[in-house]
C-alpha cells in the first residue's frame, strides 16, 4: 500500500516535471517578450510625444 502511493506520487511528479519543462520556458519567453515590447513601444511613443509637444505652435 505504501509502495503504491509512493509510485503514484512519483509518476505524478514526473508528469508535472515534464509539463513544467515543456511549458515554463515558453511562459518565460512570452513574459520577457511582452515586457520588451512594452518598453520599446513606450520609448518610441515618448519620442513622438516629445516631438509633438516641442513642435506644437503654443510651445514657440
PDB file of N, CA and C in Angstrom:
ATOM      1  N   UNK A   1       0.834  -1.194   0.000  1.00  0.00           N
ATOM      2  CA  UNK A   1       0.000   0.000   0.000  1.00  0.00           C
ATOM      3  C   UNK A   1       0.877   1.256   0.000  1.00  0.00           C
ATOM      4  N   UNK A   2       1.893   1.243   0.842  1.00  0.00           N
ATOM      5  CA  UNK A   2       2.786   2.395   0.909  1.00  0.00           C
ATOM      6  C   UNK A   2       3.585   2.545  -0.386  1.00  0.00           C
ATOM      7  N   UNK A   3       4.013   1.404  -0.955  1.00  0.00           N
ATOM      8  CA  UNK A   3       4.767   1.457  -2.206  1.00  0.00           C
ATOM      9  C   UNK A   3       3.905   2.008  -3.338  1.00  0.00           C
ATOM     10  N   UNK A   4       2.629   1.620  -3.337  1.00  0.00           N
ATOM     11  CA  UNK A   4       1.753   2.076  -4.409  1.00  0.00           C
ATOM     12  C   UNK A   4       1.552   3.596  -4.335  1.00  0.00           C
ATOM     13  N   UNK A   5       1.350   4.114  -3.140  1.00  0.00           N
ATOM     14  CA  UNK A   5       1.168   5.566  -3.028  1.00  0.00           C
ATOM     15  C   UNK A   5       2.458   6.297  -3.413  1.00  0.00           C
ATOM     16  N   UNK A   6       3.609   5.723  -3.048  1.00  0.00           N
ATOM     17  CA  UNK A   6       4.881   6.326  -3.446  1.00  0.00           C
ATOM     18  C   UNK A   6       5.023   6.316  -4.964  1.00  0.00           C
ATOM     19  N   UNK A   7       4.622   5.195  -5.573  1.00  0.00           N
ATOM     20  CA  UNK A   7       4.724   5.089  -7.030  1.00  0.00           C
ATOM     21  C   UNK A   7       3.790   6.086  -7.713  1.00  0.00           C
ATOM     22  N   UNK A   8       2.569   6.202  -7.186  1.00  0.00           N
ATOM     23  CA  UNK A   8       1.629   7.168  -7.761  1.00  0.00           C
ATOM     24  C   UNK A   8       2.171   8.587  -7.626  1.00  0.00           C
ATOM     25  N   UNK A   9       2.752   8.874  -6.466  1.00  0.00           N
ATOM     26  CA  UNK A   9       3.307  10.207  -6.246  1.00  0.00           C
ATOM     27  C   UNK A   9       4.471  10.471  -7.204  1.00  0.00           C
ATOM     28  N   UNK A  10       5.304   9.453  -7.412  1.00  0.00           N
ATOM     29  CA  UNK A  10       6.459   9.608  -8.303  1.00  0.00           C
ATOM     30  C   UNK A  10       6.003   9.847  -9.741  1.00  0.00           C
ATOM     31  N   UNK A  11       5.018   9.069 -10.203  1.00  0.00           N
ATOM     32  CA  UNK A  11       4.546   9.268 -11.577  1.00  0.00           C
ATOM     33  C   UNK A  11       3.907  10.645 -11.725  1.00  0.00           C
ATOM     34  N   UNK A  12       3.190  11.085 -10.687  1.00  0.00           N
ATOM     35  CA  UNK A  12       2.582  12.415 -10.756  1.00  0.00           C
ATOM     36  C   UNK A  12       3.662  13.498 -10.808  1.00  0.00           C
ATOM     37  N   UNK A  13       4.710  13.326 -10.005  1.00  0.00           N
ATOM     38  CA  UNK A  13       5.806  14.296 -10.014  1.00  0.00           C
ATOM     39  C   UNK A  13       6.514  14.314 -11.362  1.00  0.00           C
ATOM     40  N   UNK A  14       6.712  13.126 -11.957  1.00  0.00           N
ATOM     41  CA  UNK A  14       7.375  13.054 -13.263  1.00  0.00           C
ATOM     42  C   UNK A  14       6.520  13.746 -14.324  1.00  0.00           C
ATOM     43  N   UNK A  15       5.191  13.522 -14.274  1.00  0.00           N
ATOM     44  CA  UNK A  15       4.305  14.188 -15.227  1.00  0.00           C
ATOM     45  C   UNK A  15       4.368  15.699 -15.051  1.00  0.00           C
ATOM     46  N   UNK A  16       4.392  16.144 -13.794  1.00  0.00           N
ATOM     47  CA  UNK A  16       4.468  17.576 -13.519  1.00  0.00           C
ATOM     48  C   UNK A  16       5.786  18.155 -14.021  1.00  0.00           C
ATOM     49  N   UNK A  17       6.886  17.416 -13.819  1.00  0.00           N
ATOM     50  CA  UNK A  17       8.193  17.880 -14.287  1.00  0.00           C
ATOM     51  C   UNK A  17       8.224  17.983 -15.809  1.00  0.00           C
ATOM     52  N   UNK A  18       7.679  16.962 -16.483  1.00  0.00           N
ATOM     53  CA  UNK A  18       7.648  17.008 -17.946  1.00  0.00           C
ATOM     54  C   UNK A  18       6.845  18.207 -18.423  1.00  0.00           C
ATOM     55  N   UNK A  19       5.693  18.437 -17.776  1.00  0.00           N
ATOM     56  CA  UNK A  19       4.856  19.564 -18.155  1.00  0.00           C
ATOM     57  C   UNK A  19       5.594  20.877 -17.933  1.00  0.00           C
ATOM     58  N   UNK A  20       6.259  20.999 -16.776  1.00  0.00           N
ATOM     59  CA  UNK A  20       6.940  22.258 -16.458  1.00  0.00           C
ATOM     60  C   UNK A  20       8.123  22.486 -17.394  1.00  0.00           C
ATOM     61  N   UNK A  21       8.855  21.420 -17.730  1.00  0.00           N
ATOM     62  CA  UNK A  21       9.974  21.595 -18.662  1.00  0.00           C
ATOM     63  C   UNK A  21       9.477  21.979 -20.047  1.00  0.00           C
ATOM     64  N   UNK A  22       8.259  21.545 -20.378  1.00  0.00           N
ATOM     65  CA  UNK A  22       7.731  21.870 -21.698  1.00  0.00           C
ATOM     66  C   UNK A  22       7.190  23.299 -21.746  1.00  0.00           C
ATOM     67  N   UNK A  23       6.483  23.736 -20.706  1.00  0.00           N
ATOM     68  CA  UNK A  23       5.726  24.980 -20.789  1.00  0.00           C
ATOM     69  C   UNK A  23       6.351  26.173 -20.090  1.00  0.00           C
ATOM     70  N   UNK A  24       7.117  25.964 -19.014  1.00  0.00           N
ATOM     71  CA  UNK A  24       7.627  27.111 -18.254  1.00  0.00           C
ATOM     72  C   UNK A  24       8.598  27.968 -19.076  1.00  0.00           C
ATOM     73  N   UNK A  25       9.524  27.399 -19.875  1.00  0.00           N
ATOM     74  CA  UNK A  25      10.362  28.265 -20.723  1.00  0.00           C
ATOM     75  C   UNK A  25       9.543  29.099 -21.697  1.00  0.00           C
ATOM     76  N   UNK A  26       8.468  28.508 -22.240  1.00  0.00           N
ATOM     77  CA  UNK A  26       7.600  29.256 -23.148  1.00  0.00           C
ATOM     78  C   UNK A  26       6.939  30.419 -22.423  1.00  0.00           C
ATOM     79  N   UNK A  27       6.520  30.175 -21.173  1.00  0.00           N
ATOM     80  CA  UNK A  27       5.901  31.247 -20.394  1.00  0.00           C
ATOM     81  C   UNK A  27       6.902  32.365 -20.115  1.00  0.00           C
ATOM     82  N   UNK A  28       8.152  31.985 -19.795  1.00  0.00           N
ATOM     83  CA  UNK A  28       9.192  32.999 -19.562  1.00  0.00           C
ATOM     84  C   UNK A  28       9.443  33.808 -20.829  1.00  0.00           C
ATOM     85  N   UNK A  29       9.506  33.125 -21.987  1.00  0.00           N
ATOM     86  CA  UNK A  29       9.739  33.823 -23.258  1.00  0.00           C
ATOM     87  C   UNK A  29       8.610  34.807 -23.535  1.00  0.00           C
ATOM     88  N   UNK A  30       7.370  34.364 -23.290  1.00  0.00           N
ATOM     89  CA  UNK A  30       6.241  35.261 -23.516  1.00  0.00           C
ATOM     90  C   UNK A  30       6.288  36.456 -22.573  1.00  0.00           C
ATOM     91  N   UNK A  31       6.645  36.203 -21.317  1.00  0.00           N
ATOM     92  CA  UNK A  31       6.713  37.280 -20.325  1.00  0.00           C
ATOM     93  C   UNK A  31       7.758  38.317 -20.713  1.00  0.00           C
ATOM     94  N   UNK A  32       8.986  37.844 -21.003  1.00  0.00           N
ATOM     95  CA  UNK A  32      10.056  38.779 -21.354  1.00  0.00           C
ATOM     96  C   UNK A  32       9.781  39.460 -22.690  1.00  0.00           C
ATOM     97  N   UNK A  33       9.187  38.736 -23.623  1.00  0.00           N
ATOM     98  CA  UNK A  33       8.844  39.337 -24.907  1.00  0.00           C
ATOM     99  C   UNK A  33       7.833  40.456 -24.751  1.00  0.00           C
ATOM    100  N   UNK A  34       6.831  40.236 -23.899  1.00  0.00           N
ATOM    101  CA  UNK A  34       5.835  41.286 -23.689  1.00  0.00           C
ATOM    102  C   UNK A  34       6.449  42.481 -22.975  1.00  0.00           C
ATOM    103  N   UNK A  35       7.341  42.241 -22.005  1.00  0.00           N
ATOM    104  CA  UNK A  35       7.997  43.349 -21.300  1.00  0.00           C
ATOM    105  C   UNK A  35       8.839  44.167 -22.272  1.00  0.00           C
ATOM    106  N   UNK A  36       9.635  43.482 -23.110  1.00  0.00           N
ATOM    107  CA  UNK A  36      10.487  44.186 -24.080  1.00  0.00           C
ATOM    108  C   UNK A  36       9.632  44.970 -25.074  1.00  0.00           C
ATOM    109  N   UNK A  37       8.534  44.368 -25.520  1.00  0.00           N
ATOM    110  CA  UNK A  37       7.656  45.059 -26.463  1.00  0.00           C
ATOM    111  C   UNK A  37       7.074  46.320 -25.842  1.00  0.00           C
ATOM    112  N   UNK A  38       6.638  46.212 -24.591  1.00  0.00           N
ATOM    113  CA  UNK A  38       6.075  47.385 -23.907  1.00  0.00           C
ATOM    114  C   UNK A  38       7.132  48.474 -23.752  1.00  0.00           C
ATOM    115  N   UNK A  39       8.363  48.078 -23.388  1.00  0.00           N
ATOM    116  CA  UNK A  39       9.424  49.074 -23.221  1.00  0.00           C
ATOM    117  C   UNK A  39       9.743  49.780 -24.539  1.00  0.00           C
ATOM    118  N   UNK A  40       9.889  49.002 -25.615  1.00  0.00           N
ATOM    119  CA  UNK A  40      10.220  49.595 -26.913  1.00  0.00           C
ATOM    120  C   UNK A  40       9.105  50.530 -27.374  1.00  0.00           C
ATOM    121  N   UNK A  41       7.855  50.084 -27.236  1.00  0.00           N
ATOM    122  CA  UNK A  41       6.747  50.941 -27.668  1.00  0.00           C
ATOM    123  C   UNK A  41       6.653  52.191 -26.804  1.00  0.00           C
ATOM    124  N   UNK A  42       6.961  52.072 -25.509  1.00  0.00           N
ATOM    125  CA  UNK A  42       6.939  53.251 -24.637  1.00  0.00           C
ATOM    126  C   UNK A  42       8.022  54.240 -25.045  1.00  0.00           C
ATOM    127  N   UNK A  43       9.205  53.730 -25.404  1.00  0.00           N
ATOM    128  CA  UNK A  43      10.291  54.620 -25.833  1.00  0.00           C
ATOM    129  C   UNK A  43       9.902  55.355 -27.119  1.00  0.00           C
ATOM    130  N   UNK A  44       9.390  54.608 -28.106  1.00  0.00           N
ATOM    131  CA  UNK A  44       9.014  55.252 -29.363  1.00  0.00           C
ATOM    132  C   UNK A  44       7.872  56.235 -29.150  1.00  0.00           C
ATOM    133  N   UNK A  45       6.903  55.836 -28.315  1.00  0.00           N
ATOM    134  CA  UNK A  45       5.757  56.713 -28.073  1.00  0.00           C
ATOM    135  C   UNK A  45       6.194  57.987 -27.365  1.00  0.00           C
ATOM    136  N   UNK A  46       7.101  57.859 -26.396  1.00  0.00           N
ATOM    137  CA  UNK A  46       7.562  59.055 -25.682  1.00  0.00           C
ATOM    138  C   UNK A  46       8.353  59.963 -26.622  1.00  0.00           C
ATOM    139  N   UNK A  47       9.140  59.384 -27.533  1.00  0.00           N
ATOM    140  CA  UNK A  47       9.874  60.208 -28.502  1.00  0.00           C
ATOM    141  C   UNK A  47       8.916  60.990 -29.393  1.00  0.00           C
ATOM    142  N   UNK A  48       7.897  60.319 -29.914  1.00  0.00           N
ATOM    143  CA  UNK A  48       6.942  61.019 -30.776  1.00  0.00           C
ATOM    144  C   UNK A  48       6.149  62.045 -29.973  1.00  0.00           C
ATOM    145  N   UNK A  49       5.842  61.719 -28.723  1.00  0.00           N
ATOM    146  CA  UNK A  49       5.114  62.659 -27.876  1.00  0.00           C
ATOM    147  C   UNK A  49       5.945  63.910 -27.617  1.00  0.00           C
ATOM    148  N   UNK A  50       7.248  63.724 -27.353  1.00  0.00           N
ATOM    149  CA  UNK A  50       8.136  64.873 -27.132  1.00  0.00           C
ATOM    150  C   UNK A  50       8.231  65.720 -28.403  1.00  0.00           C
ATOM    151  N   UNK A  51       8.337  65.063 -29.565  1.00  0.00           N
ATOM    152  CA  UNK A  51       8.388  65.811 -30.830  1.00  0.00           C
ATOM    153  C   UNK A  51       7.113  66.628 -31.022  1.00  0.00           C
ATOM    154  N   UNK A  52       5.962  66.001 -30.750  1.00  0.00           N
ATOM    155  CA  UNK A  52       4.686  66.702 -30.925  1.00  0.00           C
ATOM    156  C   UNK A  52       4.618  67.906 -29.989  1.00  0.00           C
ATOM    157  N   UNK A  53       5.049  67.708 -28.739  1.00  0.00           N
ATOM    158  CA  UNK A  53       4.993  68.807 -27.767  1.00  0.00           C
ATOM    159  C   UNK A  53       5.942  69.929 -28.181  1.00  0.00           C
ATOM    160  N   UNK A  54       7.160  69.577 -28.622  1.00  0.00           N
ATOM    161  CA  UNK A  54       8.142  70.605 -28.979  1.00  0.00           C
ATOM    162  C   UNK A  54       7.763  71.339 -30.258  1.00  0.00           C
ATOM    163  N   UNK A  55       7.123  70.639 -31.197  1.00  0.00           N
ATOM    164  CA  UNK A  55       6.761  71.269 -32.466  1.00  0.00           C
ATOM    165  C   UNK A  55       5.399  71.942 -32.419  1.00  0.00           C
ATOM    166  N   UNK A  56       4.739  71.891 -31.280  1.00  0.00           N
ATOM    167  CA  UNK A  56       3.415  72.497 -31.161  1.00  0.00           C
ATOM    168  C   UNK A  56       3.546  74.024 -31.235  1.00  0.00           C
ATOM    169  N   UNK A  57       2.622  74.680 -31.917  1.00  0.00           N
ATOM    170  CA  UNK A  57       2.731  76.149 -32.053  1.00  0.00           C
ATOM    171  C   UNK A  57       2.707  76.886 -30.710  1.00  0.00           C
ATOM    172  N   UNK A  58       2.022  76.351 -29.714  1.00  0.00           N
ATOM    173  CA  UNK A  58       1.940  77.022 -28.414  1.00  0.00           C
ATOM    174  C   UNK A  58       3.282  76.982 -27.688  1.00  0.00           C
ATOM    175  N   UNK A  59       4.148  76.030 -28.084  1.00  0.00           N
ATOM    176  CA  UNK A  59       5.443  75.918 -27.415  1.00  0.00           C
ATOM    177  C   UNK A  59       6.428  76.960 -27.921  1.00  0.00           C
ATOM    178  N   UNK A  60       6.116  77.572 -29.051  1.00  0.00           N
ATOM    179  CA  UNK A  60       7.043  78.551 -29.628  1.00  0.00           C
ATOM    180  C   UNK A  60       7.051  79.852 -28.825  1.00  0.00           C
TER     181      UNK A  60
END
